[in-house]
Amino acid sequence: MSEHEFDVENLSSTEIKSRIQREGIWPQYTQRIKTLERAEKEFWKLFLQENDPGRKCAILEDLVNLQPAISRCYDTAQTMLQPNVEMKK
């Protein structure tokens, strides 16, 4: 792990809050994007290696289901990078 990554599983909610206040959310957020992109790449590798049509179909479904998460991350990143724009849920 890099200096900006942290394993939230081993931190209390107070420690997570403190770390986000100290470092901001950007390092963790960009790590999430990298992880999703890496997962997508691995799904494509599995798809290309698979010979069973049923399993190929399942992998394609997983890829399709991953796309909204990747899209939301990039949309939110774009919003976060715009100056003077309030984040809304």
PDB file of N, CA and C in Angstrom:
ATOM      1  N   MET A   1       0.834  -1.192   0.000  1.00  0.00           N
ATOM      2  CA  MET A   1       0.000   0.000   0.000  1.00  0.00           C
ATOM      3  C   MET A   1       0.871   1.244   0.000  1.00  0.00           C
ATOM      4  N   SER A   2       0.390   2.279  -0.691  1.00  0.00           N
ATOM      5  CA  SER A   2       1.120   3.540  -0.702  1.00  0.00           C
ATOM      6  C   SER A   2       0.829   4.294   0.590  1.00  0.00           C
ATOM      7  N   GLU A   3       1.501   5.406   0.772  1.00  0.00           N
ATOM      8  CA  GLU A   3       1.326   6.173   1.997  1.00  0.00           C
ATOM      9  C   GLU A   3      -0.082   6.734   2.144  1.00  0.00           C
ATOM     10  N   HIS A   4      -0.817   6.890   1.037  1.00  0.00           N
ATOM     11  CA  HIS A   4      -2.158   7.462   1.116  1.00  0.00           C
ATOM     12  C   HIS A   4      -3.248   6.412   1.235  1.00  0.00           C
ATOM     13  N   GLU A   5      -2.929   5.156   0.995  1.00  0.00           N
ATOM     14  CA  GLU A   5      -3.918   4.100   1.109  1.00  0.00           C
ATOM     15  C   GLU A   5      -4.001   3.662   2.567  1.00  0.00           C
ATOM     16  N   PHE A   6      -5.166   3.269   2.977  1.00  0.00           N
ATOM     17  CA  PHE A   6      -5.288   2.699   4.296  1.00  0.00           C
ATOM     18  C   PHE A   6      -6.396   1.671   4.306  1.00  0.00           C
ATOM     19  N   ASP A   7      -6.205   0.687   5.154  1.00  0.00           N
ATOM     20  CA  ASP A   7      -7.133  -0.416   5.257  1.00  0.00           C
ATOM     21  C   ASP A   7      -8.207  -0.030   6.269  1.00  0.00           C
ATOM     22  N   VAL A   8      -9.360   0.389   5.786  1.00  0.00           N
ATOM     23  CA  VAL A   8     -10.417   0.848   6.679  1.00  0.00           C
ATOM     24  C   VAL A   8     -10.944  -0.269   7.565  1.00  0.00           C
ATOM     25  N   GLU A   9     -10.739  -1.491   7.144  1.00  0.00           N
ATOM     26  CA  GLU A   9     -11.210  -2.622   7.932  1.00  0.00           C
ATOM     27  C   GLU A   9     -10.565  -2.650   9.317  1.00  0.00           C
ATOM     28  N   ASN A  10      -9.340  -2.168   9.401  1.00  0.00           N
ATOM     29  CA  ASN A  10      -8.603  -2.199  10.662  1.00  0.00           C
ATOM     30  C   ASN A  10      -8.640  -0.867  11.413  1.00  0.00           C
ATOM     31  N   LEU A  11      -9.429   0.091  10.958  1.00  0.00           N
ATOM     32  CA  LEU A  11      -9.520   1.390  11.620  1.00  0.00           C
ATOM     33  C   LEU A  11     -10.899   1.597  12.212  1.00  0.00           C
ATOM     34  N   SER A  12     -10.945   2.324  13.306  1.00  0.00           N
ATOM     35  CA  SER A  12     -12.235   2.685  13.885  1.00  0.00           C
ATOM     36  C   SER A  12     -12.842   3.815  13.055  1.00  0.00           C
ATOM     37  N   SER A  13     -14.121   4.067  13.241  1.00  0.00           N
ATOM     38  CA  SER A  13     -14.760   5.144  12.488  1.00  0.00           C
ATOM     39  C   SER A  13     -14.116   6.494  12.831  1.00  0.00           C
ATOM     40  N   THR A  14     -13.688   6.680  14.055  1.00  0.00           N
ATOM     41  CA  THR A  14     -13.025   7.919  14.453  1.00  0.00           C
ATOM     42  C   THR A  14     -11.676   8.062  13.753  1.00  0.00           C
ATOM     43  N   GLU A  15     -10.945   6.960  13.646  1.00  0.00           N
ATOM     44  CA  GLU A  15      -9.658   6.998  12.946  1.00  0.00           C
ATOM     45  C   GLU A  15      -9.848   7.291  11.456  1.00  0.00           C
ATOM     46  N   ILE A  16     -10.878   6.714  10.862  1.00  0.00           N
ATOM     47  CA  ILE A  16     -11.168   6.973   9.444  1.00  0.00           C
ATOM     48  C   ILE A  16     -11.517   8.444   9.261  1.00  0.00           C
ATOM     49  N   LYS A  17     -12.377   8.966  10.121  1.00  0.00           N
ATOM     50  CA  LYS A  17     -12.774  10.377  10.036  1.00  0.00           C
ATOM     51  C   LYS A  17     -11.546  11.279  10.173  1.00  0.00           C
ATOM     52  N   SER A  18     -10.686  10.985  11.127  1.00  0.00           N
ATOM     53  CA  SER A  18      -9.489  11.792  11.346  1.00  0.00           C
ATOM     54  C   SER A  18      -8.576  11.763  10.125  1.00  0.00           C
ATOM     55  N   ARG A  19      -8.424  10.598   9.544  1.00  0.00           N
ATOM     56  CA  ARG A  19      -7.558  10.470   8.368  1.00  0.00           C
ATOM     57  C   ARG A  19      -8.133  11.237   7.178  1.00  0.00           C
ATOM     58  N   ILE A  20      -9.446  11.152   6.991  1.00  0.00           N
ATOM     59  CA  ILE A  20     -10.084  11.894   5.896  1.00  0.00           C
ATOM     60  C   ILE A  20      -9.946  13.399   6.131  1.00  0.00           C
ATOM     61  N   GLN A  21     -10.122  13.841   7.375  1.00  0.00           N
ATOM     62  CA  GLN A  21      -9.972  15.269   7.674  1.00  0.00           C
ATOM     63  C   GLN A  21      -8.538  15.727   7.433  1.00  0.00           C
ATOM     64  N   ARG A  22      -7.589  14.891   7.752  1.00  0.00           N
ATOM     65  CA  ARG A  22      -6.170  15.241   7.613  1.00  0.00           C
ATOM     66  C   ARG A  22      -5.717  15.197   6.149  1.00  0.00           C
ATOM     67  N   GLU A  23      -6.099  14.149   5.418  1.00  0.00           N
ATOM     68  CA  GLU A  23      -5.591  13.946   4.065  1.00  0.00           C
ATOM     69  C   GLU A  23      -6.601  14.253   2.976  1.00  0.00           C
ATOM     70  N   GLY A  24      -7.850  14.407   3.335  1.00  0.00           N
ATOM     71  CA  GLY A  24      -8.896  14.563   2.341  1.00  0.00           C
ATOM     72  C   GLY A  24      -9.314  13.203   1.813  1.00  0.00           C
ATOM     73  N   ILE A  25     -10.287  13.207   0.942  1.00  0.00           N
ATOM     74  CA  ILE A  25     -10.820  11.945   0.436  1.00  0.00           C
ATOM     75  C   ILE A  25     -10.198  11.559  -0.898  1.00  0.00           C
ATOM     76  N   TRP A  26      -9.497  12.466  -1.533  1.00  0.00           N
ATOM     77  CA  TRP A  26      -8.979  12.218  -2.874  1.00  0.00           C
ATOM     78  C   TRP A  26      -8.087  10.978  -2.986  1.00  0.00           C
ATOM     79  N   PRO A  27      -7.092  10.776  -2.107  1.00  0.00           N
ATOM     80  CA  PRO A  27      -6.243   9.586  -2.245  1.00  0.00           C
ATOM     81  C   PRO A  27      -7.042   8.275  -2.214  1.00  0.00           C
ATOM     82  N   GLN A  28      -7.965   8.166  -1.291  1.00  0.00           N
ATOM     83  CA  GLN A  28      -8.761   6.947  -1.210  1.00  0.00           C
ATOM     84  C   GLN A  28      -9.695   6.836  -2.422  1.00  0.00           C
ATOM     85  N   TYR A  29     -10.207   7.949  -2.852  1.00  0.00           N
ATOM     86  CA  TYR A  29     -11.132   7.960  -3.980  1.00  0.00           C
ATOM     87  C   TYR A  29     -10.437   7.519  -5.262  1.00  0.00           C
ATOM     88  N   THR A  30      -9.238   8.038  -5.507  1.00  0.00           N
ATOM     89  CA  THR A  30      -8.515   7.644  -6.706  1.00  0.00           C
ATOM     90  C   THR A  30      -8.094   6.180  -6.627  1.00  0.00           C
ATOM     91  N   GLN A  31      -7.821   5.684  -5.423  1.00  0.00           N
ATOM     92  CA  GLN A  31      -7.501   4.268  -5.270  1.00  0.00           C
ATOM     93  C   GLN A  31      -8.712   3.416  -5.633  1.00  0.00           C
ATOM     94  N   ARG A  32      -9.908   3.863  -5.277  1.00  0.00           N
ATOM     95  CA  ARG A  32     -11.127   3.131  -5.635  1.00  0.00           C
ATOM     96  C   ARG A  32     -11.274   3.054  -7.154  1.00  0.00           C
ATOM     97  N   ILE A  33     -11.000   4.159  -7.842  1.00  0.00           N
ATOM     98  CA  ILE A  33     -11.078   4.162  -9.307  1.00  0.00           C
ATOM     99  C   ILE A  33     -10.070   3.175  -9.885  1.00  0.00           C
ATOM    100  N   LYS A  34      -8.850   3.192  -9.378  1.00  0.00           N
ATOM    101  CA  LYS A  34      -7.824   2.267  -9.863  1.00  0.00           C
ATOM    102  C   LYS A  34      -8.248   0.817  -9.652  1.00  0.00           C
ATOM    103  N   THR A  35      -8.838   0.532  -8.515  1.00  0.00           N
ATOM    104  CA  THR A  35      -9.286  -0.827  -8.204  1.00  0.00           C
ATOM    105  C   THR A  35     -10.391  -1.267  -9.155  1.00  0.00           C
ATOM    106  N   LEU A  36     -11.342  -0.389  -9.412  1.00  0.00           N
ATOM    107  CA  LEU A  36     -12.418  -0.726 -10.352  1.00  0.00           C
ATOM    108  C   LEU A  36     -11.881  -0.942 -11.763  1.00  0.00           C
ATOM    109  N   GLU A  37     -10.955  -0.109 -12.181  1.00  0.00           N
ATOM    110  CA  GLU A  37     -10.353  -0.256 -13.507  1.00  0.00           C
ATOM    111  C   GLU A  37      -9.559  -1.559 -13.600  1.00  0.00           C
ATOM    112  N   ARG A  38      -8.865  -1.905 -12.534  1.00  0.00           N
ATOM    113  CA  ARG A  38      -8.104  -3.156 -12.504  1.00  0.00           C
ATOM    114  C   ARG A  38      -9.055  -4.354 -12.564  1.00  0.00           C
ATOM    115  N   ALA A  39     -10.169  -4.272 -11.845  1.00  0.00           N
ATOM    116  CA  ALA A  39     -11.164  -5.349 -11.878  1.00  0.00           C
ATOM    117  C   ALA A  39     -11.722  -5.516 -13.285  1.00  0.00           C
ATOM    118  N   GLU A  40     -12.019  -4.407 -13.945  1.00  0.00           N
ATOM    119  CA  GLU A  40     -12.531  -4.470 -15.312  1.00  0.00           C
ATOM    120  C   GLU A  40     -11.520  -5.155 -16.236  1.00  0.00           C
ATOM    121  N   LYS A  41     -10.268  -4.788 -16.098  1.00  0.00           N
ATOM    122  CA  LYS A  41      -9.212  -5.377 -16.923  1.00  0.00           C
ATOM    123  C   LYS A  41      -9.118  -6.894 -16.681  1.00  0.00           C
ATOM    124  N   GLU A  42      -9.220  -7.305 -15.425  1.00  0.00           N
ATOM    125  CA  GLU A  42      -9.146  -8.728 -15.096  1.00  0.00           C
ATOM    126  C   GLU A  42     -10.360  -9.486 -15.636  1.00  0.00           C
ATOM    127  N   PHE A  43     -11.543  -8.867 -15.598  1.00  0.00           N
ATOM    128  CA  PHE A  43     -12.727  -9.501 -16.183  1.00  0.00           C
ATOM    129  C   PHE A  43     -12.521  -9.747 -17.678  1.00  0.00           C
ATOM    130  N   TRP A  44     -11.935  -8.768 -18.381  1.00  0.00           N
ATOM    131  CA  TRP A  44     -11.693  -8.948 -19.812  1.00  0.00           C
ATOM    132  C   TRP A  44     -10.692 -10.074 -20.059  1.00  0.00           C
ATOM    133  N   LYS A  45      -9.664 -10.187 -19.206  1.00  0.00           N
ATOM    134  CA  LYS A  45      -8.712 -11.288 -19.340  1.00  0.00           C
ATOM    135  C   LYS A  45      -9.429 -12.633 -19.172  1.00  0.00           C
ATOM    136  N   LEU A  46     -10.281 -12.718 -18.139  1.00  0.00           N
ATOM    137  CA  LEU A  46     -11.031 -13.956 -17.915  1.00  0.00           C
ATOM    138  C   LEU A  46     -11.932 -14.268 -19.102  1.00  0.00           C
ATOM    139  N   PHE A  47     -12.582 -13.247 -19.623  1.00  0.00           N
ATOM    140  CA  PHE A  47     -13.477 -13.428 -20.763  1.00  0.00           C
ATOM    141  C   PHE A  47     -12.715 -14.009 -21.968  1.00  0.00           C
ATOM    142  N   LEU A  48     -11.554 -13.449 -22.240  1.00  0.00           N
ATOM    143  CA  LEU A  48     -10.767 -13.903 -23.391  1.00  0.00           C
ATOM    144  C   LEU A  48     -10.232 -15.327 -23.208  1.00  0.00           C
ATOM    145  N   GLN A  49      -9.986 -15.721 -21.961  1.00  0.00           N
ATOM    146  CA  GLN A  49      -9.465 -17.058 -21.685  1.00  0.00           C
ATOM    147  C   GLN A  49     -10.565 -18.120 -21.640  1.00  0.00           C
ATOM    148  N   GLU A  50     -11.784 -17.689 -21.375  1.00  0.00           N
ATOM    149  CA  GLU A  50     -12.891 -18.633 -21.177  1.00  0.00           C
ATOM    150  C   GLU A  50     -13.381 -19.207 -22.502  1.00  0.00           C
ATOM    151  N   ASN A  51     -13.675 -20.508 -22.502  1.00  0.00           N
ATOM    152  CA  ASN A  51     -14.186 -21.181 -23.693  1.00  0.00           C
ATOM    153  C   ASN A  51     -15.668 -21.528 -23.581  1.00  0.00           C
ATOM    154  N   ASP A  52     -16.162 -21.600 -22.363  1.00  0.00           N
ATOM    155  CA  ASP A  52     -17.558 -21.970 -22.147  1.00  0.00           C
ATOM    156  C   ASP A  52     -18.461 -20.756 -22.403  1.00  0.00           C
ATOM    157  N   PRO A  53     -19.414 -20.875 -23.350  1.00  0.00           N
ATOM    158  CA  PRO A  53     -20.286 -19.739 -23.678  1.00  0.00           C
ATOM    159  C   PRO A  53     -21.095 -19.224 -22.478  1.00  0.00           C
ATOM    160  N   GLY A  54     -21.525 -20.121 -21.616  1.00  0.00           N
ATOM    161  CA  GLY A  54     -22.279 -19.700 -20.432  1.00  0.00           C
ATOM    162  C   GLY A  54     -21.441 -18.862 -19.481  1.00  0.00           C
ATOM    163  N   ARG A  55     -20.212 -19.294 -19.282  1.00  0.00           N
ATOM    164  CA  ARG A  55     -19.309 -18.526 -18.409  1.00  0.00           C
ATOM    165  C   ARG A  55     -18.919 -17.208 -19.053  1.00  0.00           C
ATOM    166  N   LYS A  56     -18.730 -17.213 -20.370  1.00  0.00           N
ATOM    167  CA  LYS A  56     -18.438 -15.955 -21.078  1.00  0.00           C
ATOM    168  C   LYS A  56     -19.575 -14.960 -20.871  1.00  0.00           C
ATOM    169  N   CYS A  57     -20.798 -15.468 -20.974  1.00  0.00           N
ATOM    170  CA  CYS A  57     -21.971 -14.615 -20.770  1.00  0.00           C
ATOM    171  C   CYS A  57     -21.995 -14.045 -19.346  1.00  0.00           C
ATOM    172  N   ALA A  58     -21.682 -14.885 -18.366  1.00  0.00           N
ATOM    173  CA  ALA A  58     -21.658 -14.435 -16.964  1.00  0.00           C
ATOM    174  C   ALA A  58     -20.598 -13.354 -16.754  1.00  0.00           C
ATOM    175  N   ILE A  59     -19.443 -13.521 -17.376  1.00  0.00           N
ATOM    176  CA  ILE A  59     -18.374 -12.523 -17.251  1.00  0.00           C
ATOM    177  C   ILE A  59     -18.809 -11.205 -17.888  1.00  0.00           C
ATOM    178  N   LEU A  60     -19.465 -11.294 -19.044  1.00  0.00           N
ATOM    179  CA  LEU A  60     -19.974 -10.075 -19.687  1.00  0.00           C
ATOM    180  C   LEU A  60     -21.004  -9.384 -18.799  1.00  0.00           C
ATOM    181  N   GLU A  61     -21.845 -10.150 -18.132  1.00  0.00           N
ATOM    182  CA  GLU A  61     -22.816  -9.562 -17.200  1.00  0.00           C
ATOM    183  C   GLU A  61     -22.096  -8.842 -16.073  1.00  0.00           C
ATOM    184  N   ASP A  62     -21.031  -9.464 -15.549  1.00  0.00           N
ATOM    185  CA  ASP A  62     -20.245  -8.809 -14.497  1.00  0.00           C
ATOM    186  C   ASP A  62     -19.633  -7.505 -15.000  1.00  0.00           C
ATOM    187  N   LEU A  63     -19.137  -7.516 -16.219  1.00  0.00           N
ATOM    188  CA  LEU A  63     -18.572  -6.294 -16.808  1.00  0.00           C
ATOM    189  C   LEU A  63     -19.634  -5.207 -16.939  1.00  0.00           C
ATOM    190  N   VAL A  64     -20.811  -5.583 -17.410  1.00  0.00           N
ATOM    191  CA  VAL A  64     -21.908  -4.616 -17.552  1.00  0.00           C
ATOM    192  C   VAL A  64     -22.297  -4.060 -16.184  1.00  0.00           C
ATOM    193  N   ASN A  65     -22.357  -4.923 -15.185  1.00  0.00           N
ATOM    194  CA  ASN A  65     -22.736  -4.484 -13.834  1.00  0.00           C
ATOM    195  C   ASN A  65     -21.681  -3.593 -13.193  1.00  0.00           C
ATOM    196  N   LEU A  66     -20.444  -3.712 -13.628  1.00  0.00           N
ATOM    197  CA  LEU A  66     -19.361  -2.891 -13.092  1.00  0.00           C
ATOM    198  C   LEU A  66     -19.375  -1.475 -13.660  1.00  0.00           C
ATOM    199  N   GLN A  67     -19.905  -1.314 -14.851  1.00  0.00           N
ATOM    200  CA  GLN A  67     -19.851  -0.023 -15.543  1.00  0.00           C
ATOM    201  C   GLN A  67     -20.511   1.127 -14.776  1.00  0.00           C
ATOM    202  N   PRO A  68     -21.695   0.946 -14.177  1.00  0.00           N
ATOM    203  CA  PRO A  68     -22.286   2.073 -13.441  1.00  0.00           C
ATOM    204  C   PRO A  68     -21.416   2.551 -12.275  1.00  0.00           C
ATOM    205  N   ALA A  69     -20.746   1.616 -11.598  1.00  0.00           N
ATOM    206  CA  ALA A  69     -19.874   2.013 -10.486  1.00  0.00           C
ATOM    207  C   ALA A  69     -18.692   2.827 -10.994  1.00  0.00           C
ATOM    208  N   ILE A  70     -18.096   2.386 -12.086  1.00  0.00           N
ATOM    209  CA  ILE A  70     -16.972   3.129 -12.664  1.00  0.00           C
ATOM    210  C   ILE A  70     -17.443   4.507 -13.122  1.00  0.00           C
ATOM    211  N   SER A  71     -18.576   4.546 -13.777  1.00  0.00           N
ATOM    212  CA  SER A  71     -19.120   5.813 -14.278  1.00  0.00           C
ATOM    213  C   SER A  71     -19.397   6.781 -13.128  1.00  0.00           C
ATOM    214  N   ARG A  72     -20.011   6.280 -12.055  1.00  0.00           N
ATOM    215  CA  ARG A  72     -20.299   7.145 -10.895  1.00  0.00           C
ATOM    216  C   ARG A  72     -19.014   7.700 -10.297  1.00  0.00           C
ATOM    217  N   CYS A  73     -17.983   6.870 -10.227  1.00  0.00           N
ATOM    218  CA  CYS A  73     -16.710   7.344  -9.678  1.00  0.00           C
ATOM    219  C   CYS A  73     -16.133   8.474 -10.512  1.00  0.00           C
ATOM    220  N   TYR A  74     -16.159   8.308 -11.827  1.00  0.00           N
ATOM    221  CA  TYR A  74     -15.633   9.369 -12.690  1.00  0.00           C
ATOM    222  C   TYR A  74     -16.512  10.620 -12.656  1.00  0.00           C
ATOM    223  N   ASP A  75     -17.822  10.445 -12.618  1.00  0.00           N
ATOM    224  CA  ASP A  75     -18.717  11.603 -12.527  1.00  0.00           C
ATOM    225  C   ASP A  75     -18.476  12.374 -11.233  1.00  0.00           C
ATOM    226  N   THR A  76     -18.352  11.654 -10.132  1.00  0.00           N
ATOM    227  CA  THR A  76     -18.113  12.300  -8.848  1.00  0.00           C
ATOM    228  C   THR A  76     -16.738  12.951  -8.821  1.00  0.00           C
ATOM    229  N   ALA A  77     -15.747  12.299  -9.402  1.00  0.00           N
ATOM    230  CA  ALA A  77     -14.403  12.891  -9.459  1.00  0.00           C
ATOM    231  C   ALA A  77     -14.439  14.205 -10.223  1.00  0.00           C
ATOM    232  N   GLN A  78     -15.175  14.223 -11.314  1.00  0.00           N
ATOM    233  CA  GLN A  78     -15.296  15.454 -12.098  1.00  0.00           C
ATOM    234  C   GLN A  78     -15.924  16.556 -11.254  1.00  0.00           C
ATOM    235  N   THR A  79     -16.957  16.212 -10.506  1.00  0.00           N
ATOM    236  CA  THR A  79     -17.604  17.184  -9.631  1.00  0.00           C
ATOM    237  C   THR A  79     -16.643  17.669  -8.545  1.00  0.00           C
ATOM    238  N   MET A  80     -15.880  16.740  -7.975  1.00  0.00           N
ATOM    239  CA  MET A  80     -14.936  17.099  -6.916  1.00  0.00           C
ATOM    240  C   MET A  80     -13.853  18.035  -7.427  1.00  0.00           C
ATOM    241  N   LEU A  81     -13.510  17.915  -8.698  1.00  0.00           N
ATOM    242  CA  LEU A  81     -12.434  18.731  -9.261  1.00  0.00           C
ATOM    243  C   LEU A  81     -12.889  20.118  -9.709  1.00  0.00           C
ATOM    244  N   GLN A  82     -14.200  20.322  -9.793  1.00  0.00           N
ATOM    245  CA  GLN A  82     -14.702  21.625 -10.200  1.00  0.00           C
ATOM    246  C   GLN A  82     -14.630  22.582  -9.003  1.00  0.00           C
ATOM    247  N   PRO A  83     -14.035  23.738  -9.177  1.00  0.00           N
ATOM    248  CA  PRO A  83     -13.926  24.680  -8.064  1.00  0.00           C
ATOM    249  C   PRO A  83     -15.292  25.233  -7.657  1.00  0.00           C
ATOM    250  N   ASN A  84     -15.447  25.411  -6.373  1.00  0.00           N
ATOM    251  CA  ASN A  84     -16.635  26.053  -5.803  1.00  0.00           C
ATOM    252  C   ASN A  84     -17.959  25.330  -6.134  1.00  0.00           C
ATOM    253  N   VAL A  85     -17.900  24.026  -6.239  1.00  0.00           N
ATOM    254  CA  VAL A  85     -19.118  23.259  -6.473  1.00  0.00           C
ATOM    255  C   VAL A  85     -19.372  22.415  -5.226  1.00  0.00           C
ATOM    256  N   GLU A  86     -20.564  22.551  -4.672  1.00  0.00           N
ATOM    257  CA  GLU A  86     -20.917  21.784  -3.495  1.00  0.00           C
ATOM    258  C   GLU A  86     -21.296  20.374  -3.891  1.00  0.00           C
ATOM    259  N   MET A  87     -20.830  19.395  -3.122  1.00  0.00           N
ATOM    260  CA  MET A  87     -21.197  17.993  -3.363  1.00  0.00           C
ATOM    261  C   MET A  87     -22.625  17.772  -2.871  1.00  0.00           C
ATOM    262  N   LYS A  88     -23.434  17.109  -3.685  1.00  0.00           N
ATOM    263  CA  LYS A  88     -24.808  16.789  -3.316  1.00  0.00           C
ATOM    264  C   LYS A  88     -25.010  15.311  -3.487  1.00  0.00           C
ATOM    265  N   LYS A  89     -25.813  14.733  -2.608  1.00  0.00           N
ATOM    266  CA  LYS A  89     -26.084  13.303  -2.700  1.00  0.00           C
ATOM    267  C   LYS A  89     -27.169  13.035  -3.679  1.00  0.00           C
TER     268      LYS A  89
END
